[in-house]
């Protein structure tokens, strides 16, 4: 599992076949296409990240990236 804050890192994790949790460091970069390769994305960065959400996601089936045609799971605080 990779915890990544940069689009290039998320893309590299995907290329390596690793599961990726993306927590963008710079606000507004969550829409970068490279973040779409992450299995779990916290678009608001560290202010939205929770270890519980990442842990729960890791407990799901271990696919390294979302299947073709399926969007990355985005976590939003309610």
Foldseek 3Di string as FASTA:
>chain_A
DEEEADLVVLQVQLVVQAAYEYAHPDQPCCPPVSVQFHQEYANPGPVQDDPVVVVVVVPDDGGRGDDPPDTRHYDDDD
